[in-house]
Amino acid sequence: MAQKMKPITLTIAGSDSGGGAGIQADLKTFTALDTFGTSAITCLTSQNPSGVTGILEVDADFLEKQILAVLDYFPVKSVKTGMLFSTAIIEKTSSLLSKRKNIIDKNVSLVIDPVMVSTSGAKLLQESAIDALLTKLIPLADLITPNLDEAEILTGKKIDRSLEMPDFAKEIFEKFKVPVLLKGGHLQNEEIALDILFDGKTVSKFEKPFVNGFYPHGTGCTYSAAITSYLARGENLIGAVRYAKEYLHSAIEQAYAVGKDKTLNHTPLLQRY
């Protein structure tokens, strides 16, 4: 009996030698959520949860070979981007995805996690590359997933954090005309991790209890990879974010010790996959 083909996902992001974020977190998440994960590596990083000690950018032409090797062979359902680092990487990625999305595979979902700074504070996007991100890649997206700090860079101004988060999300949408998932984490309420999705019409709130005393490495990568997986499996945007939030919360709750720190459990015991 022929087996049903798993949905295929692609991550275009940086490699984390510590295994907690980047490509490594994405592929773990894709596997946990029953999709077949493929990858194109933009940068090699030497890092662990304590910090990033080095970044080696992949040549843009070699990145193109990686992306085309995947897209020319696999029927990819959903794509996410993470650490892109430079203008050359962003321009190459946006050019390839624009051609593929608009000419060949109109139904492929694109989730952009606008990775700019690591949890430890290292810059993962050159300042000179911000304009290319804003003007060339984000317009292609079906969803962008900034945290509050990234949202300020995307909008080019300080956000009045005394306002309600839905207003933040609407402001970002108005600039890019792309659905936005604004990640509030525990900044607004130390007991609740609140995220806001605005798709241009509807505001959706997603809340989970904040896990006190644990500030995990790789949550943004894991969250966007989970959304990418659920979109590949046929969920609509609201459903994909809802289930991804549940998955991320479980991964945090069931974190386990490695070395000096805990790490996310990318294969938590879930009632729903």
Protein backbone atom coordinates (compact mmCIF):
# COMPACT_ATOMS: atom_id res chain seq x y z
CA MET A 1 0.00 0.00 0.00
CA ALA A 2 1.36 3.41 -0.99
CA GLN A 3 1.98 5.69 1.95
CA LYS A 4 0.51 9.17 2.05
CA MET A 5 3.13 11.81 1.28
CA LYS A 6 3.98 14.11 4.17
CA PRO A 7 3.71 17.86 3.58
CA ILE A 8 7.12 19.30 2.72
CA THR A 9 8.49 22.38 4.44
CA LEU A 10 11.58 24.50 3.73
CA THR A 11 13.54 26.68 6.12
CA ILE A 12 15.99 29.29 4.84
CA ALA A 13 17.99 30.32 7.87
CA GLY A 14 21.27 30.17 9.79
CA SER A 15 22.83 27.14 11.43
CA ASP A 16 23.15 27.12 15.24
CA SER A 17 26.05 24.95 16.41
CA GLY A 18 24.40 24.72 19.83
CA GLY A 19 21.30 23.10 18.34
CA GLY A 20 18.74 25.27 20.10
CA ALA A 21 17.76 27.75 17.41
CA GLY A 22 18.05 28.36 13.67
CA ILE A 23 18.02 25.53 11.17
CA GLN A 24 18.39 22.94 13.91
CA ALA A 25 15.31 24.13 15.82
CA ASP A 26 13.34 24.42 12.59
CA LEU A 27 14.08 20.87 11.45
CA LYS A 28 13.29 19.45 14.89
CA THR A 29 9.97 21.27 14.84
CA PHE A 30 9.13 20.17 11.30
CA THR A 31 9.74 16.55 12.30
CA ALA A 32 7.77 16.82 15.54
CA LEU A 33 4.79 18.22 13.65
CA ASP A 34 4.86 15.50 11.00
CA THR A 35 6.17 17.41 8.00
CA PHE A 36 9.24 16.58 5.93
CA GLY A 37 11.75 19.35 6.57
CA THR A 38 14.24 20.64 4.02
CA SER A 39 16.74 23.47 4.47
CA ALA A 40 18.94 26.08 2.85
CA ILE A 41 21.63 27.50 5.12
CA THR A 42 22.36 31.24 4.94
CA CYS A 43 25.07 31.44 7.60
CA LEU A 44 27.10 29.24 9.89
CA THR A 45 27.19 30.46 13.46
CA SER A 46 29.33 29.36 16.37
CA GLN A 47 26.98 29.71 19.29
CA ASN A 48 25.34 28.19 22.33
CA PRO A 49 22.62 29.55 24.64
CA SER A 50 25.19 31.85 26.26
CA GLY A 51 26.07 33.73 23.10
CA VAL A 52 27.22 33.93 19.49
CA THR A 53 30.99 33.89 18.99
CA GLY A 54 31.17 33.90 15.20
CA ILE A 55 29.18 34.24 11.97
CA LEU A 56 30.26 32.94 8.57
CA GLU A 57 28.00 34.03 5.71
CA VAL A 58 27.28 31.54 2.94
CA ASP A 59 27.94 32.77 -0.59
CA ALA A 60 24.67 33.96 -2.14
CA ASP A 61 25.18 31.89 -5.28
CA PHE A 62 25.66 28.75 -3.20
CA LEU A 63 22.51 29.62 -1.25
CA GLU A 64 20.71 29.74 -4.59
CA LYS A 65 21.95 26.23 -5.40
CA GLN A 66 20.58 24.98 -2.06
CA ILE A 67 17.17 26.57 -2.55
CA LEU A 68 16.82 25.37 -6.14
CA ALA A 69 17.98 21.86 -5.22
CA VAL A 70 15.00 21.72 -2.87
CA LEU A 71 12.37 23.53 -4.94
CA ASP A 72 13.22 21.76 -8.20
CA TYR A 73 12.79 18.32 -6.63
CA PHE A 74 10.32 18.59 -3.75
CA PRO A 75 6.71 19.85 -3.89
CA VAL A 76 7.24 22.29 -1.03
CA LYS A 77 4.04 23.42 0.67
CA SER A 78 5.34 26.06 3.03
CA VAL A 79 8.55 28.09 3.46
CA LYS A 80 9.96 30.06 6.38
CA THR A 81 12.90 32.40 6.61
CA GLY A 82 14.96 33.10 9.69
CA MET A 83 18.45 34.59 9.95
CA LEU A 84 19.29 36.17 6.59
CA PHE A 85 22.11 38.45 7.76
CA SER A 86 23.01 40.43 4.62
CA THR A 87 21.60 42.34 1.67
CA ALA A 88 23.04 39.78 -0.76
CA ILE A 89 21.32 36.89 1.02
CA ILE A 90 17.98 38.73 1.20
CA GLU A 91 18.09 39.80 -2.45
CA LYS A 92 18.90 36.27 -3.61
CA THR A 93 16.20 34.73 -1.41
CA SER A 94 13.50 37.22 -2.40
CA SER A 95 14.31 36.87 -6.11
CA LEU A 96 14.05 33.08 -6.03
CA LEU A 97 10.92 32.96 -3.90
CA SER A 98 9.20 35.67 -5.92
CA LYS A 99 9.71 33.76 -9.16
CA ARG A 100 8.62 30.47 -7.62
CA LYS A 101 5.65 31.86 -5.70
CA ASN A 102 4.26 34.08 -8.45
CA ILE A 103 4.94 31.93 -11.50
CA ILE A 104 4.96 28.27 -10.48
CA ASP A 105 3.61 27.64 -6.98
CA LYS A 106 1.09 30.34 -6.12
CA ASN A 107 -0.22 28.42 -3.11
CA VAL A 108 3.09 28.05 -1.28
CA SER A 109 2.92 29.83 2.09
CA LEU A 110 5.79 32.08 3.16
CA VAL A 111 6.39 32.86 6.84
CA ILE A 112 9.03 35.49 7.59
CA ASP A 113 10.59 35.56 11.03
CA PRO A 114 12.49 38.88 10.87
CA VAL A 115 15.44 37.69 12.93
CA MET A 116 17.62 40.64 13.89
CA VAL A 117 19.17 40.02 17.30
CA SER A 118 19.85 36.77 19.17
CA THR A 119 18.51 36.09 22.66
CA SER A 120 22.02 36.79 23.94
CA GLY A 121 22.19 40.15 22.13
CA ALA A 122 24.28 39.35 19.03
CA LYS A 123 23.31 41.12 15.80
CA LEU A 124 22.03 38.58 13.28
CA LEU A 125 21.04 41.09 10.58
CA GLN A 126 23.36 43.76 9.25
CA GLU A 127 21.90 47.27 9.48
CA SER A 128 22.58 47.75 5.79
CA ALA A 129 20.28 44.80 5.03
CA ILE A 130 17.18 46.17 6.76
CA ASP A 131 15.97 48.07 3.69
CA ALA A 132 16.17 44.96 1.51
CA LEU A 133 14.20 43.02 4.12
CA LEU A 134 11.49 45.68 4.22
CA THR A 135 11.18 46.34 0.51
CA LYS A 136 12.02 43.04 -1.19
CA LEU A 137 11.21 40.11 1.09
CA ILE A 138 8.42 41.14 3.44
CA PRO A 139 6.02 42.08 0.59
CA LEU A 140 6.13 38.42 -0.51
CA ALA A 141 5.06 37.10 2.90
CA ASP A 142 1.84 35.47 4.00
CA LEU A 143 2.83 36.20 7.61
CA ILE A 144 5.56 38.10 9.46
CA THR A 145 6.31 37.27 13.09
CA PRO A 146 8.14 40.16 14.81
CA ASN A 147 8.60 40.60 18.53
CA LEU A 148 8.14 44.10 19.93
CA ASP A 149 11.76 45.13 19.43
CA GLU A 150 11.74 43.91 15.83
CA ALA A 151 8.42 45.69 15.28
CA GLU A 152 10.06 49.00 16.17
CA ILE A 153 12.76 48.42 13.57
CA LEU A 154 10.22 47.37 10.94
CA THR A 155 8.14 50.51 11.47
CA GLY A 156 11.13 52.80 11.89
CA LYS A 157 9.87 54.38 15.08
CA LYS A 158 9.47 53.71 18.76
CA ILE A 159 6.19 52.01 19.59
CA ASP A 160 4.13 53.50 22.37
CA ARG A 161 3.93 50.42 24.55
CA SER A 162 1.21 51.98 26.68
CA LEU A 163 -1.14 51.27 23.79
CA GLU A 164 -2.85 47.95 23.27
CA MET A 165 -0.92 45.36 21.28
CA PRO A 166 -3.63 45.11 18.59
CA ASP A 167 -2.85 48.73 17.69
CA PHE A 168 0.82 47.79 17.27
CA ALA A 169 -0.11 44.93 14.94
CA LYS A 170 -2.45 47.11 12.88
CA GLU A 171 0.26 49.72 12.44
CA ILE A 172 2.65 47.12 11.05
CA PHE A 173 -0.04 45.75 8.75
CA GLU A 174 -0.78 49.22 7.41
CA LYS A 175 2.85 49.65 6.43
CA PHE A 176 3.35 46.31 4.67
CA LYS A 177 -0.17 45.06 3.88
CA VAL A 178 0.94 41.65 5.15
CA PRO A 179 -0.64 39.68 8.04
CA VAL A 180 1.38 40.13 11.22
CA LEU A 181 1.79 38.04 14.35
CA LEU A 182 3.11 40.41 17.00
CA LYS A 183 4.83 38.46 19.75
CA GLY A 184 4.48 40.09 23.14
CA GLY A 185 6.03 37.36 25.23
CA HIS A 186 5.80 38.34 28.91
CA LEU A 187 6.49 42.04 28.35
CA GLN A 188 2.93 43.21 28.89
CA ASN A 189 1.98 40.93 31.74
CA GLU A 190 4.49 38.86 33.68
CA GLU A 191 1.96 36.06 34.05
CA ILE A 192 0.74 35.85 30.44
CA ALA A 193 2.58 35.38 27.14
CA LEU A 194 0.33 37.29 24.74
CA ASP A 195 0.58 37.31 20.94
CA ILE A 196 -1.64 39.24 18.53
CA LEU A 197 -2.48 38.21 14.96
CA PHE A 198 -3.94 40.79 12.59
CA ASP A 199 -4.72 39.67 9.05
CA GLY A 200 -6.14 42.96 7.82
CA LYS A 201 -9.65 42.24 9.04
CA THR A 202 -9.62 40.26 12.25
CA VAL A 203 -7.66 40.63 15.48
CA SER A 204 -6.95 37.29 17.17
CA LYS A 205 -5.38 36.94 20.61
CA PHE A 206 -3.31 33.95 21.71
CA GLU A 207 -2.45 33.60 25.38
CA LYS A 208 -0.54 31.07 27.45
CA PRO A 209 0.76 31.25 31.02
CA PHE A 210 4.32 32.51 31.19
CA VAL A 211 6.73 29.85 32.44
CA ASN A 212 8.52 31.69 35.23
CA GLY A 213 12.28 31.53 35.60
CA PHE A 214 12.98 30.20 32.11
CA TYR A 215 14.00 32.42 29.20
CA PRO A 216 14.61 29.85 26.49
CA HIS A 217 16.83 30.12 23.45
CA GLY A 218 15.18 29.53 20.06
CA THR A 219 11.53 30.24 20.81
CA GLY A 220 11.07 32.55 17.82
CA CYS A 221 12.54 30.02 15.40
CA THR A 222 10.48 27.22 16.89
CA TYR A 223 7.25 29.25 16.82
CA SER A 224 7.60 30.31 13.17
CA ALA A 225 8.62 26.78 12.15
CA ALA A 226 5.54 25.38 13.87
CA ILE A 227 3.30 27.86 12.05
CA THR A 228 5.00 26.88 8.79
CA SER A 229 4.31 23.21 9.53
CA TYR A 230 0.64 23.73 10.27
CA LEU A 231 0.17 25.85 7.14
CA ALA A 232 1.79 23.05 5.12
CA ARG A 233 -0.68 20.64 6.68
CA GLY A 234 -3.61 22.71 5.46
CA GLU A 235 -4.57 24.79 8.49
CA ASN A 236 -5.74 28.34 7.90
CA LEU A 237 -3.65 31.16 9.34
CA ILE A 238 -5.55 31.50 12.62
CA GLY A 239 -5.56 27.75 13.18
CA ALA A 240 -1.87 27.45 12.34
CA VAL A 241 -0.94 30.13 14.87
CA ARG A 242 -3.22 28.65 17.53
CA TYR A 243 -1.75 25.16 17.26
CA ALA A 244 1.80 26.52 16.97
CA LYS A 245 1.31 28.49 20.19
CA GLU A 246 0.17 25.31 21.94
CA TYR A 247 3.19 23.43 20.61
CA LEU A 248 5.62 26.14 21.72
CA HIS A 249 4.10 26.32 25.19
CA SER A 250 4.45 22.55 25.54
CA ALA A 251 8.06 22.74 24.34
CA ILE A 252 8.80 25.34 27.03
CA GLU A 253 6.89 23.54 29.78
CA GLN A 254 8.67 20.27 29.05
CA ALA A 255 12.15 21.77 28.61
CA TYR A 256 15.02 19.64 29.84
CA ALA A 257 18.55 20.26 31.06
CA VAL A 258 21.52 20.22 28.68
CA GLY A 259 24.89 21.47 29.85
CA LYS A 260 24.52 24.63 31.90
CA ASP A 261 21.01 25.46 30.73
CA LYS A 262 17.67 24.03 29.78
CA THR A 263 16.63 23.68 26.17
CA LEU A 264 13.25 23.55 24.50
CA ASN A 265 11.78 20.08 24.15
CA HIS A 266 10.95 19.96 20.46
CA THR A 267 9.21 16.60 20.83
CA PRO A 268 6.83 17.24 23.73
CA LEU A 269 4.02 14.84 24.52
CA LEU A 270 1.16 16.55 22.72
CA GLN A 271 -2.46 15.56 22.49
CA ARG A 272 -2.61 17.04 19.00
CA TYR A 273 0.02 16.85 16.29
